[in-house]
Amino acid sequence: MVWAAFGHNYRSELVVFPAKRDDNGVKKPFRLDAKSYVQRCLSKVVPDLLARNMTLVQDGARSHAAGSTIAYLK
């Protein structure tokens, strides 16, 4: 799974999430929780967006709408 922010004259670095494997070595789908989203994604782009007076727009993904994510953005 990958994540990036983009907009008019703006492009963030690409964030690549590693594949997870169970105890038998079988690849599991990556699930992005709110804590990881804030740490790995938002903390890297929000300061830059604020400095540029840009607005962050997200969709309704669970990690985007989580209370901890909303609190971070406030």
PDB file of N, CA and C in Angstrom:
ATOM      1  N   MET A   1       0.844  -1.166   0.000  1.00  0.00           N
ATOM      2  CA  MET A   1       0.000   0.000   0.000  1.00  0.00           C
ATOM      3  C   MET A   1       0.897   1.238   0.000  1.00  0.00           C
ATOM      4  N   VAL A   2       0.459   2.263  -0.702  1.00  0.00           N
ATOM      5  CA  VAL A   2       1.199   3.519  -0.758  1.00  0.00           C
ATOM      6  C   VAL A   2       0.257   4.676  -0.448  1.00  0.00           C
ATOM      7  N   TRP A   3       0.835   5.786  -0.032  1.00  0.00           N
ATOM      8  CA  TRP A   3       0.070   6.993   0.258  1.00  0.00           C
ATOM      9  C   TRP A   3       0.875   8.191  -0.203  1.00  0.00           C
ATOM     10  N   ALA A   4       0.171   9.232  -0.687  1.00  0.00           N
ATOM     11  CA  ALA A   4       0.806  10.491  -1.053  1.00  0.00           C
ATOM     12  C   ALA A   4      -0.240  11.591  -1.026  1.00  0.00           C
ATOM     13  N   ALA A   5       0.226  12.812  -0.892  1.00  0.00           N
ATOM     14  CA  ALA A   5      -0.644  13.983  -0.984  1.00  0.00           C
ATOM     15  C   ALA A   5      -0.226  14.752  -2.236  1.00  0.00           C
ATOM     16  N   PHE A   6      -1.216  15.287  -2.948  1.00  0.00           N
ATOM     17  CA  PHE A   6      -0.897  16.040  -4.151  1.00  0.00           C
ATOM     18  C   PHE A   6      -1.935  17.128  -4.349  1.00  0.00           C
ATOM     19  N   GLY A   7      -1.558  18.136  -5.066  1.00  0.00           N
ATOM     20  CA  GLY A   7      -2.456  19.241  -5.375  1.00  0.00           C
ATOM     21  C   GLY A   7      -1.785  20.179  -6.360  1.00  0.00           C
ATOM     22  N   HIS A   8      -2.377  21.326  -6.556  1.00  0.00           N
ATOM     23  CA  HIS A   8      -1.836  22.311  -7.491  1.00  0.00           C
ATOM     24  C   HIS A   8      -0.462  22.767  -7.000  1.00  0.00           C
ATOM     25  N   ASN A   9       0.553  22.499  -7.782  1.00  0.00           N
ATOM     26  CA  ASN A   9       1.945  22.838  -7.442  1.00  0.00           C
ATOM     27  C   ASN A   9       2.409  22.210  -6.129  1.00  0.00           C
ATOM     28  N   TYR A  10       1.876  21.051  -5.791  1.00  0.00           N
ATOM     29  CA  TYR A  10       2.305  20.380  -4.562  1.00  0.00           C
ATOM     30  C   TYR A  10       2.301  18.864  -4.783  1.00  0.00           C
ATOM     31  N   ARG A  11       3.338  18.218  -4.276  1.00  0.00           N
ATOM     32  CA  ARG A  11       3.411  16.761  -4.307  1.00  0.00           C
ATOM     33  C   ARG A  11       4.259  16.332  -3.114  1.00  0.00           C
ATOM     34  N   SER A  12       3.681  15.494  -2.257  1.00  0.00           N
ATOM     35  CA  SER A  12       4.434  14.995  -1.105  1.00  0.00           C
ATOM     36  C   SER A  12       5.303  13.811  -1.522  1.00  0.00           C
ATOM     37  N   GLU A  13       6.149  13.406  -0.617  1.00  0.00           N
ATOM     38  CA  GLU A  13       6.899  12.170  -0.824  1.00  0.00           C
ATOM     39  C   GLU A  13       5.919  10.993  -0.784  1.00  0.00           C
ATOM     40  N   LEU A  14       6.249   9.939  -1.455  1.00  0.00           N
ATOM     41  CA  LEU A  14       5.451   8.726  -1.443  1.00  0.00           C
ATOM     42  C   LEU A  14       5.761   7.941  -0.171  1.00  0.00           C
ATOM     43  N   VAL A  15       4.728   7.535   0.547  1.00  0.00           N
ATOM     44  CA  VAL A  15       4.889   6.717   1.748  1.00  0.00           C
ATOM     45  C   VAL A  15       4.522   5.285   1.369  1.00  0.00           C
ATOM     46  N   VAL A  16       5.441   4.365   1.540  1.00  0.00           N
ATOM     47  CA  VAL A  16       5.224   2.965   1.200  1.00  0.00           C
ATOM     48  C   VAL A  16       5.080   2.177   2.498  1.00  0.00           C
ATOM     49  N   PHE A  17       3.994   1.438   2.622  1.00  0.00           N
ATOM     50  CA  PHE A  17       3.749   0.629   3.805  1.00  0.00           C
ATOM     51  C   PHE A  17       4.187  -0.806   3.530  1.00  0.00           C
ATOM     52  N   PRO A  18       4.946  -1.383   4.439  1.00  0.00           N
ATOM     53  CA  PRO A  18       5.446  -2.744   4.214  1.00  0.00           C
ATOM     54  C   PRO A  18       4.323  -3.773   4.302  1.00  0.00           C
ATOM     55  N   ALA A  19       4.492  -4.839   3.556  1.00  0.00           N
ATOM     56  CA  ALA A  19       3.540  -5.951   3.636  1.00  0.00           C
ATOM     57  C   ALA A  19       3.717  -6.649   4.975  1.00  0.00           C
ATOM     58  N   LYS A  20       2.616  -7.076   5.547  1.00  0.00           N
ATOM     59  CA  LYS A  20       2.682  -7.829   6.799  1.00  0.00           C
ATOM     60  C   LYS A  20       2.482  -9.303   6.492  1.00  0.00           C
ATOM     61  N   ARG A  21       3.085 -10.135   7.314  1.00  0.00           N
ATOM     62  CA  ARG A  21       2.951 -11.581   7.142  1.00  0.00           C
ATOM     63  C   ARG A  21       2.535 -12.203   8.464  1.00  0.00           C
ATOM     64  N   ASP A  22       1.746 -13.268   8.373  1.00  0.00           N
ATOM     65  CA  ASP A  22       1.348 -13.965   9.593  1.00  0.00           C
ATOM     66  C   ASP A  22       2.467 -14.903  10.040  1.00  0.00           C
ATOM     67  N   ASP A  23       2.229 -15.681  11.080  1.00  0.00           N
ATOM     68  CA  ASP A  23       3.260 -16.568  11.627  1.00  0.00           C
ATOM     69  C   ASP A  23       3.736 -17.634  10.639  1.00  0.00           C
ATOM     70  N   ASN A  24       2.915 -17.927   9.636  1.00  0.00           N
ATOM     71  CA  ASN A  24       3.280 -18.920   8.628  1.00  0.00           C
ATOM     72  C   ASN A  24       3.927 -18.296   7.395  1.00  0.00           C
ATOM     73  N   GLY A  25       4.150 -16.993   7.422  1.00  0.00           N
ATOM     74  CA  GLY A  25       4.768 -16.307   6.300  1.00  0.00           C
ATOM     75  C   GLY A  25       3.809 -15.914   5.202  1.00  0.00           C
ATOM     76  N   VAL A  26       2.507 -16.087   5.430  1.00  0.00           N
ATOM     77  CA  VAL A  26       1.501 -15.725   4.425  1.00  0.00           C
ATOM     78  C   VAL A  26       1.261 -14.216   4.485  1.00  0.00           C
ATOM     79  N   LYS A  27       1.292 -13.576   3.323  1.00  0.00           N
ATOM     80  CA  LYS A  27       1.097 -12.130   3.255  1.00  0.00           C
ATOM     81  C   LYS A  27      -0.323 -11.766   3.687  1.00  0.00           C
ATOM     82  N   LYS A  28      -0.429 -10.764   4.550  1.00  0.00           N
ATOM     83  CA  LYS A  28      -1.724 -10.275   5.038  1.00  0.00           C
ATOM     84  C   LYS A  28      -1.971  -8.884   4.475  1.00  0.00           C
ATOM     85  N   PRO A  29      -3.234  -8.523   4.282  1.00  0.00           N
ATOM     86  CA  PRO A  29      -3.518  -7.164   3.808  1.00  0.00           C
ATOM     87  C   PRO A  29      -3.093  -6.138   4.861  1.00  0.00           C
ATOM     88  N   PHE A  30      -2.537  -5.019   4.408  1.00  0.00           N
ATOM     89  CA  PHE A  30      -2.122  -3.963   5.325  1.00  0.00           C
ATOM     90  C   PHE A  30      -3.341  -3.166   5.728  1.00  0.00           C
ATOM     91  N   ARG A  31      -3.488  -2.920   6.991  1.00  0.00           N
ATOM     92  CA  ARG A  31      -4.590  -2.108   7.510  1.00  0.00           C
ATOM     93  C   ARG A  31      -3.985  -0.858   8.140  1.00  0.00           C
ATOM     94  N   LEU A  32      -4.356   0.285   7.635  1.00  0.00           N
ATOM     95  CA  LEU A  32      -3.843   1.548   8.139  1.00  0.00           C
ATOM     96  C   LEU A  32      -4.758   2.050   9.243  1.00  0.00           C
ATOM     97  N   ASP A  33      -4.243   2.089  10.471  1.00  0.00           N
ATOM     98  CA  ASP A  33      -5.044   2.636  11.560  1.00  0.00           C
ATOM     99  C   ASP A  33      -4.728   4.116  11.719  1.00  0.00           C
ATOM    100  N   ALA A  34      -5.517   4.796  12.546  1.00  0.00           N
ATOM    101  CA  ALA A  34      -5.386   6.241  12.702  1.00  0.00           C
ATOM    102  C   ALA A  34      -4.015   6.632  13.239  1.00  0.00           C
ATOM    103  N   LYS A  35      -3.486   5.878  14.179  1.00  0.00           N
ATOM    104  CA  LYS A  35      -2.184   6.199  14.760  1.00  0.00           C
ATOM    105  C   LYS A  35      -1.094   6.163  13.686  1.00  0.00           C
ATOM    106  N   SER A  36      -1.077   5.108  12.884  1.00  0.00           N
ATOM    107  CA  SER A  36      -0.092   4.999  11.803  1.00  0.00           C
ATOM    108  C   SER A  36      -0.289   6.086  10.752  1.00  0.00           C
ATOM    109  N   TYR A  37      -1.538   6.408  10.461  1.00  0.00           N
ATOM    110  CA  TYR A  37      -1.842   7.439   9.475  1.00  0.00           C
ATOM    111  C   TYR A  37      -1.268   8.790   9.915  1.00  0.00           C
ATOM    112  N   VAL A  38      -1.480   9.141  11.171  1.00  0.00           N
ATOM    113  CA  VAL A  38      -0.959  10.412  11.676  1.00  0.00           C
ATOM    114  C   VAL A  38       0.565  10.391  11.683  1.00  0.00           C
ATOM    115  N   GLN A  39       1.153   9.316  12.208  1.00  0.00           N
ATOM    116  CA  GLN A  39       2.612   9.246  12.333  1.00  0.00           C
ATOM    117  C   GLN A  39       3.328   9.173  10.988  1.00  0.00           C
ATOM    118  N   ARG A  40       2.842   8.321  10.102  1.00  0.00           N
ATOM    119  CA  ARG A  40       3.557   8.057   8.857  1.00  0.00           C
ATOM    120  C   ARG A  40       3.206   9.015   7.727  1.00  0.00           C
ATOM    121  N   CYS A  41       2.006   9.587   7.781  1.00  0.00           N
ATOM    122  CA  CYS A  41       1.541  10.407   6.658  1.00  0.00           C
ATOM    123  C   CYS A  41       1.356  11.878   7.038  1.00  0.00           C
ATOM    124  N   LEU A  42       0.396  12.127   7.901  1.00  0.00           N
ATOM    125  CA  LEU A  42       0.046  13.511   8.198  1.00  0.00           C
ATOM    126  C   LEU A  42       1.185  14.302   8.818  1.00  0.00           C
ATOM    127  N   SER A  43       1.917  13.698   9.726  1.00  0.00           N
ATOM    128  CA  SER A  43       2.999  14.441  10.390  1.00  0.00           C
ATOM    129  C   SER A  43       4.071  14.894   9.407  1.00  0.00           C
ATOM    130  N   LYS A  44       4.131  14.251   8.254  1.00  0.00           N
ATOM    131  CA  LYS A  44       5.119  14.611   7.237  1.00  0.00           C
ATOM    132  C   LYS A  44       4.631  15.725   6.309  1.00  0.00           C
ATOM    133  N   VAL A  45       3.311  15.864   6.141  1.00  0.00           N
ATOM    134  CA  VAL A  45       2.818  16.849   5.175  1.00  0.00           C
ATOM    135  C   VAL A  45       2.108  18.046   5.800  1.00  0.00           C
ATOM    136  N   VAL A  46       1.470  17.874   6.948  1.00  0.00           N
ATOM    137  CA  VAL A  46       0.682  18.970   7.525  1.00  0.00           C
ATOM    138  C   VAL A  46       1.530  20.215   7.799  1.00  0.00           C
ATOM    139  N   PRO A  47       2.719  20.101   8.397  1.00  0.00           N
ATOM    140  CA  PRO A  47       3.509  21.326   8.605  1.00  0.00           C
ATOM    141  C   PRO A  47       3.810  22.067   7.293  1.00  0.00           C
ATOM    142  N   ASP A  48       4.112  21.331   6.244  1.00  0.00           N
ATOM    143  CA  ASP A  48       4.394  21.941   4.951  1.00  0.00           C
ATOM    144  C   ASP A  48       3.141  22.587   4.367  1.00  0.00           C
ATOM    145  N   LEU A  49       2.000  21.917   4.490  1.00  0.00           N
ATOM    146  CA  LEU A  49       0.750  22.481   3.985  1.00  0.00           C
ATOM    147  C   LEU A  49       0.386  23.763   4.731  1.00  0.00           C
ATOM    148  N   LEU A  50       0.575  23.770   6.043  1.00  0.00           N
ATOM    149  CA  LEU A  50       0.303  24.977   6.830  1.00  0.00           C
ATOM    150  C   LEU A  50       1.209  26.124   6.400  1.00  0.00           C
ATOM    151  N   ALA A  51       2.482  25.830   6.188  1.00  0.00           N
ATOM    152  CA  ALA A  51       3.436  26.865   5.772  1.00  0.00           C
ATOM    153  C   ALA A  51       3.060  27.460   4.418  1.00  0.00           C
ATOM    154  N   ARG A  52       2.446  26.659   3.579  1.00  0.00           N
ATOM    155  CA  ARG A  52       2.044  27.113   2.243  1.00  0.00           C
ATOM    156  C   ARG A  52       0.601  27.634   2.222  1.00  0.00           C
ATOM    157  N   ASN A  53      -0.066  27.634   3.379  1.00  0.00           N
ATOM    158  CA  ASN A  53      -1.461  28.063   3.493  1.00  0.00           C
ATOM    159  C   ASN A  53      -2.373  27.235   2.577  1.00  0.00           C
ATOM    160  N   MET A  54      -2.133  25.922   2.550  1.00  0.00           N
ATOM    161  CA  MET A  54      -2.911  25.007   1.722  1.00  0.00           C
ATOM    162  C   MET A  54      -3.910  24.249   2.591  1.00  0.00           C
ATOM    163  N   THR A  55      -4.930  23.717   1.979  1.00  0.00           N
ATOM    164  CA  THR A  55      -5.987  22.971   2.661  1.00  0.00           C
ATOM    165  C   THR A  55      -5.842  21.486   2.368  1.00  0.00           C
ATOM    166  N   LEU A  56      -5.966  20.675   3.412  1.00  0.00           N
ATOM    167  CA  LEU A  56      -5.933  19.226   3.256  1.00  0.00           C
ATOM    168  C   LEU A  56      -7.360  18.725   3.082  1.00  0.00           C
ATOM    169  N   VAL A  57      -7.598  17.932   2.047  1.00  0.00           N
ATOM    170  CA  VAL A  57      -8.904  17.331   1.794  1.00  0.00           C
ATOM    171  C   VAL A  57      -8.723  15.819   1.824  1.00  0.00           C
ATOM    172  N   GLN A  58      -9.568  15.137   2.602  1.00  0.00           N
ATOM    173  CA  GLN A  58      -9.479  13.682   2.738  1.00  0.00           C
ATOM    174  C   GLN A  58     -10.813  13.050   2.354  1.00  0.00           C
ATOM    175  N   ASP A  59     -10.785  11.760   2.082  1.00  0.00           N
ATOM    176  CA  ASP A  59     -12.039  11.051   1.859  1.00  0.00           C
ATOM    177  C   ASP A  59     -12.521  10.488   3.193  1.00  0.00           C
ATOM    178  N   GLY A  60     -13.479   9.614   3.172  1.00  0.00           N
ATOM    179  CA  GLY A  60     -14.078   9.112   4.399  1.00  0.00           C
ATOM    180  C   GLY A  60     -13.461   7.836   4.943  1.00  0.00           C
ATOM    181  N   ALA A  61     -12.228   7.543   4.576  1.00  0.00           N
ATOM    182  CA  ALA A  61     -11.577   6.338   5.102  1.00  0.00           C
ATOM    183  C   ALA A  61     -11.569   6.373   6.627  1.00  0.00           C
ATOM    184  N   ARG A  62     -11.664   5.218   7.245  1.00  0.00           N
ATOM    185  CA  ARG A  62     -11.734   5.153   8.704  1.00  0.00           C
ATOM    186  C   ARG A  62     -10.582   5.875   9.388  1.00  0.00           C
ATOM    187  N   SER A  63      -9.375   5.686   8.883  1.00  0.00           N
ATOM    188  CA  SER A  63      -8.225   6.342   9.507  1.00  0.00           C
ATOM    189  C   SER A  63      -8.273   7.860   9.326  1.00  0.00           C
ATOM    190  N   HIS A  64      -8.950   8.340   8.289  1.00  0.00           N
ATOM    191  CA  HIS A  64      -9.076   9.774   8.050  1.00  0.00           C
ATOM    192  C   HIS A  64     -10.117  10.389   8.988  1.00  0.00           C
ATOM    193  N   ALA A  65     -11.158   9.641   9.296  1.00  0.00           N
ATOM    194  CA  ALA A  65     -12.275  10.159  10.081  1.00  0.00           C
ATOM    195  C   ALA A  65     -12.178   9.828  11.571  1.00  0.00           C
ATOM    196  N   ALA A  66     -11.151   9.142  11.981  1.00  0.00           N
ATOM    197  CA  ALA A  66     -10.999   8.741  13.383  1.00  0.00           C
ATOM    198  C   ALA A  66     -10.844   9.972  14.287  1.00  0.00           C
ATOM    199  N   GLY A  67     -11.303   9.841  15.504  1.00  0.00           N
ATOM    200  CA  GLY A  67     -11.227  10.946  16.447  1.00  0.00           C
ATOM    201  C   GLY A  67      -9.813  11.439  16.675  1.00  0.00           C
ATOM    202  N   SER A  68      -8.848  10.523  16.753  1.00  0.00           N
ATOM    203  CA  SER A  68      -7.462  10.934  16.974  1.00  0.00           C
ATOM    204  C   SER A  68      -6.890  11.697  15.781  1.00  0.00           C
ATOM    205  N   THR A  69      -7.319  11.345  14.576  1.00  0.00           N
ATOM    206  CA  THR A  69      -6.882  12.075  13.384  1.00  0.00           C
ATOM    207  C   THR A  69      -7.476  13.475  13.378  1.00  0.00           C
ATOM    208  N   ILE A  70      -8.758  13.582  13.684  1.00  0.00           N
ATOM    209  CA  ILE A  70      -9.422  14.881  13.749  1.00  0.00           C
ATOM    210  C   ILE A  70      -8.762  15.755  14.812  1.00  0.00           C
ATOM    211  N   ALA A  71      -8.461  15.163  15.967  1.00  0.00           N
ATOM    212  CA  ALA A  71      -7.804  15.912  17.039  1.00  0.00           C
ATOM    213  C   ALA A  71      -6.434  16.415  16.588  1.00  0.00           C
ATOM    214  N   TYR A  72      -5.660  15.584  15.897  1.00  0.00           N
ATOM    215  CA  TYR A  72      -4.351  15.991  15.389  1.00  0.00           C
ATOM    216  C   TYR A  72      -4.495  17.181  14.442  1.00  0.00           C
ATOM    217  N   LEU A  73      -5.462  17.114  13.555  1.00  0.00           N
ATOM    218  CA  LEU A  73      -5.629  18.164  12.550  1.00  0.00           C
ATOM    219  C   LEU A  73      -6.105  19.488  13.159  1.00  0.00           C
ATOM    220  N   LYS A  74      -6.825  19.410  14.267  1.00  0.00           N
ATOM    221  CA  LYS A  74      -7.264  20.650  14.924  1.00  0.00           C
ATOM    222  C   LYS A  74      -6.080  21.344  15.534  1.00  0.00           C
TER     223      LYS A  74
END
